[in-house]
Amino acid sequence: MSDPLAAEFSARAAAAPRRAIRVAIVVVVAVMIAATLALWAWLGPAVFYEVIVAGIAGCF
């Protein structure tokens, strides 16, 4: 006989790391968007665009 309570607990325990990863991804994306908007507000759209283009060009 299988214990349904134990199976439910096991399923929740297995889902916890996946949920933590999802939360971490959402937080990272939100921080990146906030940083982008802050830099755009601080540097202005034209200067910010030039910084991004120079950064991309520096990668190649």
Protein backbone atom coordinates (compact mmCIF):
# COMPACT_ATOMS: atom_id res chain seq x y z
CA MET A 1 0.00 0.00 0.00
CA SER A 2 1.21 3.41 -0.89
CA ASP A 3 0.68 6.34 1.44
CA PRO A 4 -1.03 9.19 -0.47
CA LEU A 5 0.19 11.78 2.03
CA ALA A 6 3.80 10.69 1.52
CA ALA A 7 3.37 10.80 -2.26
CA GLU A 8 1.95 14.34 -2.08
CA PHE A 9 4.81 15.47 0.17
CA SER A 10 7.33 13.92 -2.20
CA ALA A 11 5.76 15.68 -5.19
CA ARG A 12 5.86 19.04 -3.39
CA ALA A 13 9.47 18.50 -2.36
CA ALA A 14 10.42 17.72 -5.95
CA ALA A 15 8.67 20.85 -7.25
CA ALA A 16 10.39 23.23 -4.80
CA PRO A 17 13.73 23.51 -6.66
CA ARG A 18 11.96 24.10 -9.98
CA ARG A 19 9.91 26.88 -8.42
CA ALA A 20 13.03 28.45 -6.91
CA ILE A 21 14.70 28.42 -10.33
CA ARG A 22 11.66 30.06 -11.92
CA VAL A 23 11.57 32.74 -9.23
CA ALA A 24 15.29 33.38 -9.69
CA ILE A 25 14.87 33.75 -13.45
CA VAL A 26 11.97 36.17 -13.02
CA VAL A 27 13.99 38.24 -10.53
CA VAL A 28 17.02 38.37 -12.85
CA VAL A 29 14.90 39.43 -15.82
CA ALA A 30 13.12 42.08 -13.74
CA VAL A 31 16.45 43.49 -12.52
CA MET A 32 17.79 43.59 -16.07
CA ILE A 33 14.70 45.43 -17.32
CA ALA A 34 14.88 47.88 -14.42
CA ALA A 35 18.59 48.50 -15.08
CA THR A 36 17.88 49.07 -18.77
CA LEU A 37 15.16 51.59 -18.02
CA ALA A 38 17.32 53.34 -15.42
CA LEU A 39 20.26 53.65 -17.82
CA TRP A 40 17.98 54.89 -20.56
CA ALA A 41 16.50 57.53 -18.26
CA TRP A 42 19.96 58.57 -17.06
CA LEU A 43 21.91 58.52 -20.34
CA GLY A 44 19.15 59.32 -22.77
CA PRO A 45 18.00 57.15 -25.65
CA ALA A 46 20.67 58.21 -28.17
CA VAL A 47 23.61 57.79 -25.81
CA PHE A 48 22.23 54.55 -24.42
CA TYR A 49 21.84 53.19 -27.95
CA GLU A 50 25.47 54.07 -28.72
CA VAL A 51 26.65 52.31 -25.54
CA ILE A 52 24.75 49.15 -26.47
CA VAL A 53 26.04 49.19 -30.05
CA ALA A 54 29.63 49.72 -28.84
CA GLY A 55 29.23 46.85 -26.37
CA ILE A 56 27.94 44.51 -29.05
CA ALA A 57 30.69 45.58 -31.45
CA GLY A 58 33.26 44.92 -28.72
CA CYS A 59 32.12 41.31 -28.54
CA PHE A 60 33.04 40.63 -32.17
